[in-house]
């Protein structure tokens, strides 16, 4: 029974190390492709909104969708 508990503790440690490593690698992977801009979290570094006035003088602003939008 004692050997079984020792093996179980070993496997729990391995599982924790795998979880920590996986979380760390995902964090590194996503840090290069997500950016925070003034409209939210996007895959683009700069805010690519197109602002213009039409022939009637009405203001329009068209922005691509972000991963997470906030106001």
N, C-alpha and C. Protein backbone atom coordinates (compact mmCIF):
# COMPACT_ATOMS: atom_id res chain seq x y z
N UNK A 1 0.82 -1.19 0.00
CA UNK A 1 0.00 0.00 0.00
C UNK A 1 0.87 1.25 0.00
N UNK A 2 2.01 1.20 0.69
CA UNK A 2 2.89 2.36 0.76
C UNK A 2 3.49 2.67 -0.60
N UNK A 3 3.88 1.65 -1.37
CA UNK A 3 4.43 1.87 -2.70
C UNK A 3 3.39 2.48 -3.63
N UNK A 4 2.15 2.07 -3.48
CA UNK A 4 1.08 2.61 -4.30
C UNK A 4 0.89 4.11 -4.04
N UNK A 5 0.94 4.50 -2.77
CA UNK A 5 0.80 5.92 -2.43
C UNK A 5 1.97 6.74 -2.93
N UNK A 6 3.17 6.18 -2.89
CA UNK A 6 4.34 6.88 -3.41
C UNK A 6 4.23 7.08 -4.92
N UNK A 7 3.77 6.05 -5.62
CA UNK A 7 3.58 6.17 -7.06
C UNK A 7 2.49 7.19 -7.38
N UNK A 8 1.44 7.19 -6.59
CA UNK A 8 0.34 8.13 -6.80
C UNK A 8 0.83 9.57 -6.61
N UNK A 9 1.62 9.82 -5.57
CA UNK A 9 2.17 11.15 -5.33
C UNK A 9 3.06 11.57 -6.50
N UNK A 10 3.84 10.63 -7.02
CA UNK A 10 4.71 10.93 -8.16
C UNK A 10 3.88 11.34 -9.38
N UNK A 11 2.81 10.61 -9.66
CA UNK A 11 1.98 10.92 -10.82
C UNK A 11 1.23 12.24 -10.64
N UNK A 12 0.87 12.57 -9.42
CA UNK A 12 0.23 13.86 -9.15
C UNK A 12 1.22 14.99 -9.41
N UNK A 13 2.47 14.83 -9.00
CA UNK A 13 3.49 15.84 -9.25
C UNK A 13 3.71 16.02 -10.75
N UNK A 14 3.77 14.92 -11.49
CA UNK A 14 3.94 15.00 -12.94
C UNK A 14 2.76 15.73 -13.58
N UNK A 15 1.55 15.44 -13.14
CA UNK A 15 0.36 16.09 -13.68
C UNK A 15 0.39 17.60 -13.40
N UNK A 16 0.82 17.99 -12.21
CA UNK A 16 0.92 19.42 -11.88
C UNK A 16 1.97 20.09 -12.75
N UNK A 17 3.10 19.46 -12.95
CA UNK A 17 4.15 20.04 -13.79
C UNK A 17 3.66 20.19 -15.23
N UNK A 18 2.92 19.22 -15.74
CA UNK A 18 2.38 19.32 -17.09
C UNK A 18 1.39 20.47 -17.19
N UNK A 19 0.55 20.63 -16.17
CA UNK A 19 -0.42 21.72 -16.18
C UNK A 19 0.27 23.08 -16.17
N UNK A 20 1.27 23.24 -15.33
CA UNK A 20 2.01 24.50 -15.24
C UNK A 20 2.72 24.77 -16.56
N UNK A 21 3.36 23.78 -17.13
CA UNK A 21 4.06 23.95 -18.40
C UNK A 21 3.10 24.30 -19.52
N UNK A 22 1.97 23.64 -19.58
CA UNK A 22 0.97 23.91 -20.61
C UNK A 22 0.44 25.34 -20.48
N UNK A 23 0.14 25.79 -19.27
CA UNK A 23 -0.35 27.15 -19.05
C UNK A 23 0.71 28.17 -19.45
N UNK A 24 1.94 27.92 -19.10
CA UNK A 24 3.04 28.81 -19.45
C UNK A 24 3.22 28.91 -20.96
N UNK A 25 3.18 27.78 -21.66
CA UNK A 25 3.35 27.79 -23.11
C UNK A 25 2.18 28.47 -23.82
N UNK A 26 0.97 28.27 -23.34
CA UNK A 26 -0.18 28.96 -23.93
C UNK A 26 -0.05 30.46 -23.73
N UNK A 27 0.38 30.88 -22.56
CA UNK A 27 0.58 32.30 -22.30
C UNK A 27 1.61 32.93 -23.21
N UNK A 28 2.70 32.24 -23.44
CA UNK A 28 3.73 32.74 -24.34
C UNK A 28 3.21 32.77 -25.78
N UNK A 29 2.49 31.75 -26.17
CA UNK A 29 1.97 31.68 -27.53
C UNK A 29 0.98 32.80 -27.81
N UNK A 30 0.09 33.09 -26.88
CA UNK A 30 -0.93 34.10 -27.11
C UNK A 30 -0.44 35.53 -26.89
N UNK A 31 0.68 35.70 -26.23
CA UNK A 31 1.16 37.05 -25.96
C UNK A 31 1.61 37.75 -27.22
N UNK A 32 1.95 37.03 -28.25
CA UNK A 32 2.40 37.65 -29.50
C UNK A 32 1.29 37.94 -30.47
N UNK A 33 0.09 37.47 -30.25
CA UNK A 33 -0.95 37.67 -31.25
C UNK A 33 -2.18 38.39 -30.74
N UNK A 34 -2.22 38.81 -29.50
CA UNK A 34 -3.33 39.60 -28.98
C UNK A 34 -2.79 40.92 -28.43
N UNK A 35 -3.47 42.03 -28.81
CA UNK A 35 -3.03 43.35 -28.41
C UNK A 35 -4.20 44.10 -27.79
N UNK A 36 -3.91 45.00 -26.87
CA UNK A 36 -4.94 45.84 -26.26
C UNK A 36 -4.89 47.19 -26.93
N UNK A 37 -6.01 47.60 -27.53
CA UNK A 37 -6.12 48.95 -28.07
C UNK A 37 -7.26 49.67 -27.37
N UNK A 38 -7.60 50.90 -27.81
CA UNK A 38 -8.60 51.68 -27.08
C UNK A 38 -10.02 51.14 -27.22
N UNK A 39 -10.26 50.23 -28.15
CA UNK A 39 -11.60 49.66 -28.33
C UNK A 39 -11.76 48.30 -27.70
N UNK A 40 -10.66 47.65 -27.31
CA UNK A 40 -10.74 46.32 -26.71
C UNK A 40 -9.49 45.51 -26.97
N UNK A 41 -9.64 44.20 -27.03
CA UNK A 41 -8.53 43.30 -27.30
C UNK A 41 -8.66 42.81 -28.73
N UNK A 42 -7.61 42.99 -29.51
CA UNK A 42 -7.67 42.71 -30.94
C UNK A 42 -6.46 41.91 -31.38
N UNK A 43 -6.52 41.40 -32.59
CA UNK A 43 -5.36 40.73 -33.18
C UNK A 43 -4.51 41.72 -33.95
N UNK A 44 -4.93 42.98 -33.99
CA UNK A 44 -4.17 44.03 -34.67
C UNK A 44 -3.62 45.00 -33.63
N UNK A 45 -2.41 45.49 -33.86
CA UNK A 45 -1.78 46.41 -32.91
C UNK A 45 -2.44 47.78 -32.96
N UNK A 46 -2.74 48.25 -34.17
CA UNK A 46 -3.33 49.58 -34.33
C UNK A 46 -4.83 49.47 -34.55
N UNK A 47 -5.53 50.53 -34.17
CA UNK A 47 -6.96 50.61 -34.35
C UNK A 47 -7.23 50.94 -35.81
N UNK A 48 -7.86 50.05 -36.57
CA UNK A 48 -8.06 50.23 -38.00
C UNK A 48 -9.46 50.72 -38.34
N UNK A 49 -9.95 51.72 -37.60
CA UNK A 49 -11.27 52.27 -37.88
C UNK A 49 -11.18 53.22 -39.07
N UNK A 50 -12.21 53.19 -39.89
CA UNK A 50 -12.31 54.11 -41.02
C UNK A 50 -13.37 55.14 -40.69
N UNK A 51 -12.96 56.40 -40.60
CA UNK A 51 -13.86 57.50 -40.28
C UNK A 51 -14.00 58.39 -41.49
N UNK A 52 -15.24 58.75 -41.83
CA UNK A 52 -15.46 59.60 -42.99
C UNK A 52 -16.82 60.27 -42.91
N UNK A 53 -16.98 61.33 -43.70
CA UNK A 53 -18.25 62.01 -43.87
C UNK A 53 -18.76 61.70 -45.28
N UNK A 54 -20.04 61.43 -45.41
CA UNK A 54 -20.58 61.17 -46.73
C UNK A 54 -21.00 62.49 -47.38
N UNK A 55 -21.63 62.41 -48.55
CA UNK A 55 -21.99 63.61 -49.31
C UNK A 55 -23.01 64.47 -48.58
N UNK A 56 -23.82 63.89 -47.70
CA UNK A 56 -24.80 64.66 -46.95
C UNK A 56 -24.22 65.27 -45.68
N UNK A 57 -22.98 65.00 -45.37
CA UNK A 57 -22.33 65.53 -44.17
C UNK A 57 -22.53 64.67 -42.94
N UNK A 58 -22.98 63.44 -43.13
CA UNK A 58 -23.19 62.52 -42.02
C UNK A 58 -21.88 61.81 -41.70
N UNK A 59 -21.54 61.80 -40.42
CA UNK A 59 -20.30 61.16 -39.97
C UNK A 59 -20.50 59.65 -39.87
N UNK A 60 -19.55 58.90 -40.38
CA UNK A 60 -19.58 57.43 -40.30
C UNK A 60 -18.25 56.94 -39.74
N UNK A 61 -18.33 55.89 -38.95
CA UNK A 61 -17.13 55.27 -38.40
C UNK A 61 -17.32 53.76 -38.48
N UNK A 62 -16.49 53.10 -39.26
CA UNK A 62 -16.57 51.65 -39.40
C UNK A 62 -15.32 51.01 -38.84
N UNK A 63 -15.51 50.11 -37.90
CA UNK A 63 -14.37 49.46 -37.25
C UNK A 63 -14.48 47.95 -37.40
N UNK A 64 -13.37 47.26 -37.64
CA UNK A 64 -13.41 45.80 -37.66
C UNK A 64 -13.66 45.25 -36.26
N UNK A 65 -14.19 44.05 -36.20
CA UNK A 65 -14.50 43.45 -34.90
C UNK A 65 -13.22 43.07 -34.15
N UNK A 66 -13.26 43.27 -32.84
CA UNK A 66 -12.18 42.84 -31.96
C UNK A 66 -12.52 41.47 -31.39
N UNK A 67 -11.54 40.86 -30.74
CA UNK A 67 -11.80 39.62 -30.01
C UNK A 67 -12.72 39.92 -28.84
N UNK A 68 -12.41 41.01 -28.10
CA UNK A 68 -13.25 41.48 -26.99
C UNK A 68 -13.43 42.98 -27.18
N UNK A 69 -14.68 43.44 -27.27
CA UNK A 69 -14.98 44.86 -27.42
C UNK A 69 -15.46 45.43 -26.09
N UNK A 70 -15.06 46.67 -25.81
CA UNK A 70 -15.60 47.39 -24.67
C UNK A 70 -15.81 48.85 -25.07
N UNK A 71 -16.65 49.55 -24.34
CA UNK A 71 -16.97 50.94 -24.67
C UNK A 71 -16.23 51.89 -23.78
